[in-house]
Amino acid sequence: MKITVKYFALLREAVGLREETVEVPQNTVTVAELMQIVSSRHPDAFAALKRIRAAVNETMVPMGAEVGEGDVVAFFPPVTGG
């Protein structure tokens, strides 16, 4: 299953990417499980932040929300400037 992951604010700077495609073996994962997968790829980026917010398909969701094939998940600090 392929999921597009977008990074914003400090996460974008730390990861060095605006977005990436992540392939996971399961048919569904939670946002928290997906965050564990991407944080293993970019440990320094996620370790610096105590709280991270997430949106799936442009809707804010809790970390327990399920993510499916083709979804777009955005990770960002709780407060971002613009």
PDB file of N, CA and C in Angstrom:
ATOM      1  N   MET A   1       0.852  -1.166   0.000  1.00  0.00           N
ATOM      2  CA  MET A   1       0.000   0.000   0.000  1.00  0.00           C
ATOM      3  C   MET A   1       0.901   1.234   0.000  1.00  0.00           C
ATOM      4  N   LYS A   2       0.585   2.198  -0.858  1.00  0.00           N
ATOM      5  CA  LYS A   2       1.372   3.425  -0.950  1.00  0.00           C
ATOM      6  C   LYS A   2       0.599   4.599  -0.349  1.00  0.00           C
ATOM      7  N   ILE A   3       1.333   5.386   0.447  1.00  0.00           N
ATOM      8  CA  ILE A   3       0.768   6.554   1.104  1.00  0.00           C
ATOM      9  C   ILE A   3       1.706   7.730   0.843  1.00  0.00           C
ATOM     10  N   THR A   4       1.139   8.872   0.509  1.00  0.00           N
ATOM     11  CA  THR A   4       1.942  10.079   0.353  1.00  0.00           C
ATOM     12  C   THR A   4       2.036  10.767   1.701  1.00  0.00           C
ATOM     13  N   VAL A   5       3.261  11.065   2.123  1.00  0.00           N
ATOM     14  CA  VAL A   5       3.495  11.736   3.396  1.00  0.00           C
ATOM     15  C   VAL A   5       4.076  13.109   3.104  1.00  0.00           C
ATOM     16  N   LYS A   6       3.434  14.143   3.657  1.00  0.00           N
ATOM     17  CA  LYS A   6       3.908  15.518   3.496  1.00  0.00           C
ATOM     18  C   LYS A   6       4.401  16.026   4.840  1.00  0.00           C
ATOM     19  N   TYR A   7       5.460  16.847   4.778  1.00  0.00           N
ATOM     20  CA  TYR A   7       6.057  17.411   5.975  1.00  0.00           C
ATOM     21  C   TYR A   7       5.940  18.928   5.922  1.00  0.00           C
ATOM     22  N   PHE A   8       5.660  19.541   7.079  1.00  0.00           N
ATOM     23  CA  PHE A   8       5.501  20.987   7.149  1.00  0.00           C
ATOM     24  C   PHE A   8       6.351  21.581   8.259  1.00  0.00           C
ATOM     25  N   ALA A   9       6.668  22.860   8.093  1.00  0.00           N
ATOM     26  CA  ALA A   9       7.379  23.673   9.089  1.00  0.00           C
ATOM     27  C   ALA A   9       8.712  23.041   9.473  1.00  0.00           C
ATOM     28  N   LEU A  10       8.977  22.917  10.766  1.00  0.00           N
ATOM     29  CA  LEU A  10      10.254  22.399  11.240  1.00  0.00           C
ATOM     30  C   LEU A  10      10.526  20.979  10.759  1.00  0.00           C
ATOM     31  N   LEU A  11       9.473  20.174  10.606  1.00  0.00           N
ATOM     32  CA  LEU A  11       9.676  18.816  10.107  1.00  0.00           C
ATOM     33  C   LEU A  11      10.206  18.828   8.682  1.00  0.00           C
ATOM     34  N   ARG A  12       9.665  19.695   7.846  1.00  0.00           N
ATOM     35  CA  ARG A  12      10.131  19.796   6.468  1.00  0.00           C
ATOM     36  C   ARG A  12      11.609  20.148   6.428  1.00  0.00           C
ATOM     37  N   GLU A  13      11.986  21.107   7.256  1.00  0.00           N
ATOM     38  CA  GLU A  13      13.394  21.512   7.298  1.00  0.00           C
ATOM     39  C   GLU A  13      14.285  20.377   7.794  1.00  0.00           C
ATOM     40  N   ALA A  14      13.853  19.680   8.830  1.00  0.00           N
ATOM     41  CA  ALA A  14      14.666  18.608   9.413  1.00  0.00           C
ATOM     42  C   ALA A  14      14.762  17.390   8.495  1.00  0.00           C
ATOM     43  N   VAL A  15      13.665  17.034   7.841  1.00  0.00           N
ATOM     44  CA  VAL A  15      13.655  15.878   6.939  1.00  0.00           C
ATOM     45  C   VAL A  15      14.359  16.216   5.626  1.00  0.00           C
ATOM     46  N   GLY A  16      14.194  17.462   5.180  1.00  0.00           N
ATOM     47  CA  GLY A  16      14.796  17.868   3.918  1.00  0.00           C
ATOM     48  C   GLY A  16      13.951  17.518   2.709  1.00  0.00           C
ATOM     49  N   LEU A  17      12.688  17.193   2.953  1.00  0.00           N
ATOM     50  CA  LEU A  17      11.749  16.847   1.876  1.00  0.00           C
ATOM     51  C   LEU A  17      10.411  17.517   2.132  1.00  0.00           C
ATOM     52  N   ARG A  18       9.739  17.881   1.047  1.00  0.00           N
ATOM     53  CA  ARG A  18       8.353  18.351   1.170  1.00  0.00           C
ATOM     54  C   ARG A  18       7.415  17.165   1.337  1.00  0.00           C
ATOM     55  N   GLU A  19       7.696  16.103   0.590  1.00  0.00           N
ATOM     56  CA  GLU A  19       6.856  14.912   0.660  1.00  0.00           C
ATOM     57  C   GLU A  19       7.631  13.710   0.155  1.00  0.00           C
ATOM     58  N   GLU A  20       7.100  12.538   0.495  1.00  0.00           N
ATOM     59  CA  GLU A  20       7.654  11.290  -0.008  1.00  0.00           C
ATOM     60  C   GLU A  20       6.539  10.253  -0.048  1.00  0.00           C
ATOM     61  N   THR A  21       6.740   9.230  -0.851  1.00  0.00           N
ATOM     62  CA  THR A  21       5.798   8.120  -0.917  1.00  0.00           C
ATOM     63  C   THR A  21       6.341   7.003  -0.041  1.00  0.00           C
ATOM     64  N   VAL A  22       5.484   6.509   0.832  1.00  0.00           N
ATOM     65  CA  VAL A  22       5.876   5.449   1.761  1.00  0.00           C
ATOM     66  C   VAL A  22       5.052   4.216   1.426  1.00  0.00           C
ATOM     67  N   GLU A  23       5.745   3.100   1.293  1.00  0.00           N
ATOM     68  CA  GLU A  23       5.048   1.845   1.034  1.00  0.00           C
ATOM     69  C   GLU A  23       5.025   1.030   2.317  1.00  0.00           C
ATOM     70  N   VAL A  24       3.820   0.607   2.709  1.00  0.00           N
ATOM     71  CA  VAL A  24       3.670  -0.215   3.912  1.00  0.00           C
ATOM     72  C   VAL A  24       3.036  -1.547   3.506  1.00  0.00           C
ATOM     73  N   PRO A  25       3.405  -2.639   4.179  1.00  0.00           N
ATOM     74  CA  PRO A  25       2.932  -3.959   3.771  1.00  0.00           C
ATOM     75  C   PRO A  25       1.463  -4.247   4.112  1.00  0.00           C
ATOM     76  N   GLN A  26       0.922  -3.554   5.126  1.00  0.00           N
ATOM     77  CA  GLN A  26      -0.456  -3.814   5.538  1.00  0.00           C
ATOM     78  C   GLN A  26      -1.455  -3.078   4.636  1.00  0.00           C
ATOM     79  N   ASN A  27      -2.714  -3.503   4.707  1.00  0.00           N
ATOM     80  CA  ASN A  27      -3.773  -2.807   3.970  1.00  0.00           C
ATOM     81  C   ASN A  27      -4.211  -1.539   4.666  1.00  0.00           C
ATOM     82  N   THR A  28      -4.087  -1.506   5.982  1.00  0.00           N
ATOM     83  CA  THR A  28      -4.384  -0.279   6.738  1.00  0.00           C
ATOM     84  C   THR A  28      -3.367  -0.142   7.857  1.00  0.00           C
ATOM     85  N   VAL A  29      -3.054   1.093   8.186  1.00  0.00           N
ATOM     86  CA  VAL A  29      -2.211   1.418   9.335  1.00  0.00           C
ATOM     87  C   VAL A  29      -2.835   2.626  10.006  1.00  0.00           C
ATOM     88  N   THR A  30      -2.466   2.851  11.245  1.00  0.00           N
ATOM     89  CA  THR A  30      -2.910   4.071  11.907  1.00  0.00           C
ATOM     90  C   THR A  30      -1.900   5.175  11.611  1.00  0.00           C
ATOM     91  N   VAL A  31      -2.307   6.392  11.878  1.00  0.00           N
ATOM     92  CA  VAL A  31      -1.398   7.527  11.715  1.00  0.00           C
ATOM     93  C   VAL A  31      -0.176   7.325  12.615  1.00  0.00           C
ATOM     94  N   ALA A  32      -0.377   6.840  13.826  1.00  0.00           N
ATOM     95  CA  ALA A  32       0.738   6.616  14.756  1.00  0.00           C
ATOM     96  C   ALA A  32       1.714   5.583  14.197  1.00  0.00           C
ATOM     97  N   GLU A  33       1.192   4.513  13.612  1.00  0.00           N
ATOM     98  CA  GLU A  33       2.069   3.487  13.024  1.00  0.00           C
ATOM     99  C   GLU A  33       2.846   4.059  11.836  1.00  0.00           C
ATOM    100  N   LEU A  34       2.173   4.856  11.026  1.00  0.00           N
ATOM    101  CA  LEU A  34       2.847   5.492   9.898  1.00  0.00           C
ATOM    102  C   LEU A  34       3.929   6.445  10.399  1.00  0.00           C
ATOM    103  N   MET A  35       3.642   7.178  11.459  1.00  0.00           N
ATOM    104  CA  MET A  35       4.630   8.088  12.012  1.00  0.00           C
ATOM    105  C   MET A  35       5.848   7.321  12.508  1.00  0.00           C
ATOM    106  N   GLN A  36       5.657   6.147  13.083  1.00  0.00           N
ATOM    107  CA  GLN A  36       6.788   5.327  13.512  1.00  0.00           C
ATOM    108  C   GLN A  36       7.637   4.903  12.315  1.00  0.00           C
ATOM    109  N   ILE A  37       6.978   4.571  11.210  1.00  0.00           N
ATOM    110  CA  ILE A  37       7.699   4.163  10.000  1.00  0.00           C
ATOM    111  C   ILE A  37       8.546   5.316   9.472  1.00  0.00           C
ATOM    112  N   VAL A  38       7.943   6.499   9.332  1.00  0.00           N
ATOM    113  CA  VAL A  38       8.699   7.617   8.767  1.00  0.00           C
ATOM    114  C   VAL A  38       9.728   8.154   9.764  1.00  0.00           C
ATOM    115  N   SER A  39       9.444   8.066  11.057  1.00  0.00           N
ATOM    116  CA  SER A  39      10.431   8.540  12.027  1.00  0.00           C
ATOM    117  C   SER A  39      11.637   7.611  12.072  1.00  0.00           C
ATOM    118  N   SER A  40      11.472   6.341  11.708  1.00  0.00           N
ATOM    119  CA  SER A  40      12.635   5.452  11.631  1.00  0.00           C
ATOM    120  C   SER A  40      13.515   5.825  10.441  1.00  0.00           C
ATOM    121  N   ARG A  41      12.927   6.419   9.416  1.00  0.00           N
ATOM    122  CA  ARG A  41      13.692   6.904   8.262  1.00  0.00           C
ATOM    123  C   ARG A  41      14.392   8.228   8.563  1.00  0.00           C
ATOM    124  N   HIS A  42      13.771   9.041   9.411  1.00  0.00           N
ATOM    125  CA  HIS A  42      14.268  10.389   9.730  1.00  0.00           C
ATOM    126  C   HIS A  42      14.255  10.595  11.245  1.00  0.00           C
ATOM    127  N   PRO A  43      15.033   9.820  11.996  1.00  0.00           N
ATOM    128  CA  PRO A  43      14.933   9.868  13.460  1.00  0.00           C
ATOM    129  C   PRO A  43      15.238  11.227  14.084  1.00  0.00           C
ATOM    130  N   ASP A  44      16.193  11.940  13.558  1.00  0.00           N
ATOM    131  CA  ASP A  44      16.529  13.242  14.144  1.00  0.00           C
ATOM    132  C   ASP A  44      15.397  14.249  13.985  1.00  0.00           C
ATOM    133  N   ALA A  45      14.690  14.176  12.878  1.00  0.00           N
ATOM    134  CA  ALA A  45      13.608  15.126  12.613  1.00  0.00           C
ATOM    135  C   ALA A  45      12.471  14.976  13.616  1.00  0.00           C
ATOM    136  N   PHE A  46      12.100  13.755  13.928  1.00  0.00           N
ATOM    137  CA  PHE A  46      10.968  13.520  14.808  1.00  0.00           C
ATOM    138  C   PHE A  46      11.354  13.567  16.279  1.00  0.00           C
ATOM    139  N   ALA A  47      12.590  13.248  16.598  1.00  0.00           N
ATOM    140  CA  ALA A  47      13.035  13.234  17.995  1.00  0.00           C
ATOM    141  C   ALA A  47      13.024  14.620  18.625  1.00  0.00           C
ATOM    142  N   ALA A  48      13.225  15.636  17.818  1.00  0.00           N
ATOM    143  CA  ALA A  48      13.306  17.000  18.338  1.00  0.00           C
ATOM    144  C   ALA A  48      11.947  17.557  18.764  1.00  0.00           C
ATOM    145  N   LEU A  49      10.863  16.975  18.277  1.00  0.00           N
ATOM    146  CA  LEU A  49       9.526  17.495  18.563  1.00  0.00           C
ATOM    147  C   LEU A  49       8.800  16.601  19.559  1.00  0.00           C
ATOM    148  N   LYS A  50       8.216  17.214  20.570  1.00  0.00           N
ATOM    149  CA  LYS A  50       7.484  16.440  21.566  1.00  0.00           C
ATOM    150  C   LYS A  50       6.077  16.103  21.109  1.00  0.00           C
ATOM    151  N   ARG A  51       5.495  17.010  20.353  1.00  0.00           N
ATOM    152  CA  ARG A  51       4.133  16.779  19.852  1.00  0.00           C
ATOM    153  C   ARG A  51       4.109  17.013  18.353  1.00  0.00           C
ATOM    154  N   ILE A  52       3.403  16.149  17.670  1.00  0.00           N
ATOM    155  CA  ILE A  52       3.244  16.276  16.226  1.00  0.00           C
ATOM    156  C   ILE A  52       1.769  16.103  15.917  1.00  0.00           C
ATOM    157  N   ARG A  53       1.254  16.947  15.061  1.00  0.00           N
ATOM    158  CA  ARG A  53      -0.140  16.870  14.621  1.00  0.00           C
ATOM    159  C   ARG A  53      -0.176  16.191  13.265  1.00  0.00           C
ATOM    160  N   ALA A  54      -1.343  15.684  12.893  1.00  0.00           N
ATOM    161  CA  ALA A  54      -1.466  14.999  11.608  1.00  0.00           C
ATOM    162  C   ALA A  54      -2.811  15.310  10.964  1.00  0.00           C
ATOM    163  N   ALA A  55      -2.797  15.279   9.656  1.00  0.00           N
ATOM    164  CA  ALA A  55      -4.021  15.410   8.865  1.00  0.00           C
ATOM    165  C   ALA A  55      -4.003  14.311   7.812  1.00  0.00           C
ATOM    166  N   VAL A  56      -5.172  13.764   7.543  1.00  0.00           N
ATOM    167  CA  VAL A  56      -5.324  12.781   6.470  1.00  0.00           C
ATOM    168  C   VAL A  56      -6.275  13.375   5.451  1.00  0.00           C
ATOM    169  N   ASN A  57      -5.788  13.480   4.228  1.00  0.00           N
ATOM    170  CA  ASN A  57      -6.587  14.059   3.151  1.00  0.00           C
ATOM    171  C   ASN A  57      -7.162  15.420   3.546  1.00  0.00           C
ATOM    172  N   GLU A  58      -6.300  16.241   4.171  1.00  0.00           N
ATOM    173  CA  GLU A  58      -6.589  17.619   4.561  1.00  0.00           C
ATOM    174  C   GLU A  58      -7.585  17.774   5.707  1.00  0.00           C
ATOM    175  N   THR A  59      -7.772  16.708   6.485  1.00  0.00           N
ATOM    176  CA  THR A  59      -8.641  16.767   7.657  1.00  0.00           C
ATOM    177  C   THR A  59      -7.832  16.366   8.882  1.00  0.00           C
ATOM    178  N   MET A  60      -7.841  17.212   9.907  1.00  0.00           N
ATOM    179  CA  MET A  60      -7.125  16.901  11.141  1.00  0.00           C
ATOM    180  C   MET A  60      -7.686  15.613  11.738  1.00  0.00           C
ATOM    181  N   VAL A  61      -6.775  14.743  12.196  1.00  0.00           N
ATOM    182  CA  VAL A  61      -7.192  13.456  12.746  1.00  0.00           C
ATOM    183  C   VAL A  61      -6.379  13.131  13.992  1.00  0.00           C
ATOM    184  N   PRO A  62      -6.909  12.257  14.856  1.00  0.00           N
ATOM    185  CA  PRO A  62      -6.116  11.774  15.987  1.00  0.00           C
ATOM    186  C   PRO A  62      -5.111  10.727  15.501  1.00  0.00           C
ATOM    187  N   MET A  63      -4.135  10.426  16.320  1.00  0.00           N
ATOM    188  CA  MET A  63      -3.091   9.474  15.936  1.00  0.00           C
ATOM    189  C   MET A  63      -3.625   8.055  15.715  1.00  0.00           C
ATOM    190  N   GLY A  64      -4.791   7.753  16.240  1.00  0.00           N
ATOM    191  CA  GLY A  64      -5.378   6.430  16.061  1.00  0.00           C
ATOM    192  C   GLY A  64      -6.180   6.270  14.784  1.00  0.00           C
ATOM    193  N   ALA A  65      -6.298   7.331  13.992  1.00  0.00           N
ATOM    194  CA  ALA A  65      -7.080   7.266  12.745  1.00  0.00           C
ATOM    195  C   ALA A  65      -6.405   6.317  11.756  1.00  0.00           C
ATOM    196  N   GLU A  66      -7.217   5.613  10.987  1.00  0.00           N
ATOM    197  CA  GLU A  66      -6.680   4.684   9.998  1.00  0.00           C
ATOM    198  C   GLU A  66      -6.351   5.394   8.696  1.00  0.00           C
ATOM    199  N   VAL A  67      -5.308   4.897   8.049  1.00  0.00           N
ATOM    200  CA  VAL A  67      -4.844   5.424   6.773  1.00  0.00           C
ATOM    201  C   VAL A  67      -4.898   4.282   5.772  1.00  0.00           C
ATOM    202  N   GLY A  68      -5.362   4.582   4.559  1.00  0.00           N
ATOM    203  CA  GLY A  68      -5.468   3.547   3.544  1.00  0.00           C
ATOM    204  C   GLY A  68      -4.725   3.898   2.271  1.00  0.00           C
ATOM    205  N   GLU A  69      -4.789   3.004   1.322  1.00  0.00           N
ATOM    206  CA  GLU A  69      -4.139   3.152   0.019  1.00  0.00           C
ATOM    207  C   GLU A  69      -4.482   4.492  -0.617  1.00  0.00           C
ATOM    208  N   GLY A  70      -3.455   5.215  -1.043  1.00  0.00           N
ATOM    209  CA  GLY A  70      -3.651   6.464  -1.763  1.00  0.00           C
ATOM    210  C   GLY A  70      -3.917   7.681  -0.909  1.00  0.00           C
ATOM    211  N   ASP A  71      -4.013   7.500   0.411  1.00  0.00           N
ATOM    212  CA  ASP A  71      -4.249   8.658   1.281  1.00  0.00           C
ATOM    213  C   ASP A  71      -3.025   9.571   1.317  1.00  0.00           C
ATOM    214  N   VAL A  72      -3.266  10.828   1.651  1.00  0.00           N
ATOM    215  CA  VAL A  72      -2.194  11.808   1.828  1.00  0.00           C
ATOM    216  C   VAL A  72      -2.198  12.188   3.305  1.00  0.00           C
ATOM    217  N   VAL A  73      -1.064  11.954   3.959  1.00  0.00           N
ATOM    218  CA  VAL A  73      -0.930  12.245   5.381  1.00  0.00           C
ATOM    219  C   VAL A  73       0.079  13.375   5.556  1.00  0.00           C
ATOM    220  N   ALA A  74      -0.298  14.384   6.312  1.00  0.00           N
ATOM    221  CA  ALA A  74       0.588  15.524   6.577  1.00  0.00           C
ATOM    222  C   ALA A  74       0.965  15.501   8.055  1.00  0.00           C
ATOM    223  N   PHE A  75       2.256  15.694   8.324  1.00  0.00           N
ATOM    224  CA  PHE A  75       2.760  15.799   9.695  1.00  0.00           C
ATOM    225  C   PHE A  75       3.333  17.192   9.893  1.00  0.00           C
ATOM    226  N   PHE A  76       3.018  17.795  11.054  1.00  0.00           N
ATOM    227  CA  PHE A  76       3.511  19.137  11.344  1.00  0.00           C
ATOM    228  C   PHE A  76       3.468  19.402  12.836  1.00  0.00           C
ATOM    229  N   PRO A  77       4.278  20.378  13.281  1.00  0.00           N
ATOM    230  CA  PRO A  77       4.223  20.756  14.690  1.00  0.00           C
ATOM    231  C   PRO A  77       2.845  21.344  15.014  1.00  0.00           C
ATOM    232  N   PRO A  78       2.470  21.370  16.304  1.00  0.00           N
ATOM    233  CA  PRO A  78       1.145  21.865  16.669  1.00  0.00           C
ATOM    234  C   PRO A  78       0.883  23.311  16.240  1.00  0.00           C
ATOM    235  N   VAL A  79       1.929  24.132  16.172  1.00  0.00           N
ATOM    236  CA  VAL A  79       1.750  25.514  15.755  1.00  0.00           C
ATOM    237  C   VAL A  79       2.719  25.774  14.606  1.00  0.00           C
ATOM    238  N   THR A  80       2.168  26.241  13.485  1.00  0.00           N
ATOM    239  CA  THR A  80       3.025  26.574  12.355  1.00  0.00           C
ATOM    240  C   THR A  80       2.753  28.009  11.943  1.00  0.00           C
ATOM    241  N   GLY A  81       3.762  28.653  11.456  1.00  0.00           N
ATOM    242  CA  GLY A  81       3.597  30.025  10.990  1.00  0.00           C
ATOM    243  C   GLY A  81       3.388  30.053   9.491  1.00  0.00           C
ATOM    244  N   GLY A  82       3.070  31.182   8.971  1.00  0.00           N
ATOM    245  CA  GLY A  82       2.847  31.194   7.550  1.00  0.00           C
ATOM    246  C   GLY A  82       2.985  32.497   6.985  1.00  0.00           C
TER     247      GLY A  82
END
